[in-house]
Amino acid sequence: MAEKDKNDIRKRLEELRKDNNRKNNRQDDGNKSPFSGFLFFIFVVLLFTFTAIFHQDIQTYFQAKKEISYTEFVNRTQAGEFSEISEKDDKLIAQARENGKDILYFTKKITDRVGNEPIIINAIERKKVKLNSLQPSGGSFFLLLLGQFLPMIIMIAIMVYLAKKMVGGSQGGGPGNIFGFGKSRVNKIDKKPDVKFDDVAGVDGAKEELREVVDFLKNPEKYTKAGARVPKGVLLLGRPGTGKTLLAKAVAGESGASFFSISGSEFVEMFVGVGASRVRDLFEKAKESSPSIIFIDEIDAIGRRRSVGKNSGSNDEREQTLNQLLVEMDGFETDTKVIVLAATNREDVLDPALLRAGRFDRRVTVDAPDLQGRIAILKVHSRNKKLDKDVRLEDIAKITPGFVGADLANLLNEAAILAARRASDTIKMSDLDEAVDKIGMGLGQKGKIIKPEEKKLLAYHEAGHAIMTELTPGADPVHKVTIIPRGEAGGFMMPLPEEKLVTTSKQMLAEIKVLFGGRAAEEIGLEDISTGAYSDIKRATKVARVYVESVGMSKKLGPINFENADDEYSFAPNKSDETVREIDLEIRKILTEEYLNTLNTLQDNWSKLEEVVALLLKKETITGDEVRRIIKGETAEQILKEYENFDKKDEKSQSFETKEIKNKDSEVKDKEIQKSESERAVENVKQELELENKIENQVEEDNKKLEEKNKTEKLAEAVREITGKSDWALEEDFDSEEIENNKDNENKDNDKKDNDSNNSDDSSDNNGSSENGKNEDNKNNDSSNETGNKKKKKNNFKLPSFME
């Protein structure tokens, strides 16, 4: 390359460098705070003030000084060398010119006042010397300067700070800024969030709705050609933790539009009109940056229903803010491409004007995830965590119905913390199970000392819940039963709830029976009751009240809703005192009947409950499968032996593994042992299958008996409806009829005996003996029937006196 071309390139680079420097300088000048000029002005004013006040002191401080004796000072005064004398403190000061320089001469006074020194006075009068009296000094020059100017400096610094905050507030707005009150505190997200729709799981319906909004912002022509109109607002509804804010972040991450995020509480201030001004400012910024999305989180903070009251009116700040929001949303032009996205969990308190079509055109409900949704959420939140091979997220999803996304994320976090406690970076299934129990019931207290009698009481209580759960139609199956204290509970029975859209009356009554199972088991097994059933009774009463008062399932009161009005300003009752009394009586009747049914069910299956209690006392925590095995006919001893054999197999396998490492020759023996164990396992499986078949047959027989029992109950109910008598009245009638029938049978037997004795005289002894044998058989049958009736009566619990 020629030298000339190199020089041209160098010159061009130099010019570019200079241009960049000039641009940077201009940019720096543009970025200068407008407050810098104000500071310079304050500095100049202080400098001039300082110079004017301390001009003489400064000049005196820097001027040459010379101390002379009092006699020399008097002689020079008499000689006329001093034209002006100053008196300050205990000194006399005079100025004279010597060798072309001004020098200050000073000497100490003899007396306190110059008027007491006649020599100086005569010299001053004769030579017409000017006498000045200066203000006494309070110390050194710098101390004097500091004392006079320090308060002023502090005040100016405070003013500078406040002025700077005011200027900053006028530019961006912020808490406490006077000039920024009317500016919105919206956070414009320039950098798009990393959250995408693929990162949001369990809310597929809501994602589809929001995908259309994003697609409209990206491809508006596709919708305008079809005559579609942009939705002006989308309201996300759902309980806390369902992922409403996360969906908004996903919209910001997916769309190329400008995204403005603000909380509803940031609009309202103590000054009237501030909220409305901030709403106007927010929408102006959004229109300037269109296409754009405004996300208002917790909109119920400003969108509450307007009502007439002492705290509301035309000057109410919240109402003015809401009015301005309504105007801005309704005043949108069709081509602004600005969409409002809001989230709340209190739709019931929002103003109807805010919810009408034209403002929030779409309402997207973000429900709690179902089973598949929970599995997907667990997979999303476990991406950055190491899971053991035995972890089954499907099983965790099954035992966490009602959990929302935030709950499931917290569940995995707790499991990770438990894994870290074990000094492991891998989460096991046991960690997840412990995390579920910890979140649901609190921290486990395995080291807590419990008395044997209290442990037995807990076992009976939880076993009663478990047996009633498995034997009551409509109840959810058992997942786990434990008597290990956790949180405030001494133990608990965890059901495995199914996904339900609605709840039937049988399911509500079944829930009451399950809740009463603990108290009923205590009463039968221990012949005493405890306070452990406090929460169970409270929940059962609440279910019964909903059954009667809310959903109208009571046959006596009918399908009527007796709940109080939702209006918070209305205190008028919607039911009479007589109706309230009838509701209370119906609730008491339902609870009492279900408690008696629970007592009878547990009494009929008491041997199974005892087996569950024995297994709980031994293991402290049992699974739902073990409870179901006991109900099918197995004993606690069989289940415990199975676990002992399983532990022995583990020990043998561990010993075999160590022997394989130490001695390779033992491989053949290990294989033979494994073969024998496999054969035993096959035999065990065969035995289990035979046992299951027997159990299934037994269950079929029990079901048939239960059907017969239901038929008799339906028949009794039909009789009650016809006769108008209650259940316990029918029982009394049935008992009296049974007694009369027994008496008639006895009379018939006596008549037969008399006839037999008369006929025995005419017949032979053999015939008499055969007849006597038949009579003895009839007696035995009658006695067996009587004992059977006694056993049934023993198991039937009657209503308490307060219900009769």
Foldseek 3Di string as FASTA:
>chain_A
DDPVVVVVVVVVVVVVVVVVVVVVVVVVVVPDDPCVVVVVVVVVVVVVVVCVVCVVVVCVVPAAEDEDEPVVVLVCLLVVQFQEWEDEAQKIWTWGADPNGIYIYMYGHPDRDPVVPVSSVVSCVVSVHHYHYDYYDPDDPVVVVCVVCVVVVVVVVVVSVLVVLQSVLLVANDPPHPNNLLAANKDKDPDQDPQAPLLQFQQVVLLVVLVVLQVCQVCVVVQVVVVHFRAQEEEEEEDPQQCQVSSVSNSSNRHPAIEIEDELVRLDDPDAPSSLSNLVNVVVVCLVRPLYEYEYEANCSLFFADDDDPQDDPRRRSVSNNVSLLCSQLVDDRPSNYHYYYYHHCPVGGHPSCVDGSRHPHYRYRYAGALVRQLSLLVSLCPVAAEDPQDDSSVLSQLDPPDHSVRSNVLVVQQCVVCVVVVHRYGYNVSSVQSVCCVVFNAWDQPDDDDPVVLLLLLLLQLLLQLLQVPQPLHAFWFKWFQTDHHPARTHTRGRDDDDPDGDPSNLLSLLLSLLRRQLSCCVVVVDGDCNSVVSVVVNLVSLLCCPADQQVDPVVGRDHLDADPDPPDDDHPDDPVVVVVSVLSSVVSSLVSSLVSNLSCVVVVVLSVQSSVLCVVPRMDGSVVSVVSVLPDGNVVVVVVVVVVVVVVVVVVVVVVCCVVDVVCPVVVVVVVVVVVVVVVVVVVVVVVSVVVSVVVVVVVVVVVVVVVVVVVVLVVVCVVVVDDPVVVVVVVVVVVVVVVVVVVVVLVVVVVVLVVVPVVDDVVVNVVVVVVSVVVVVVVVVVVVVVVVVVVSRDDGDPVSD
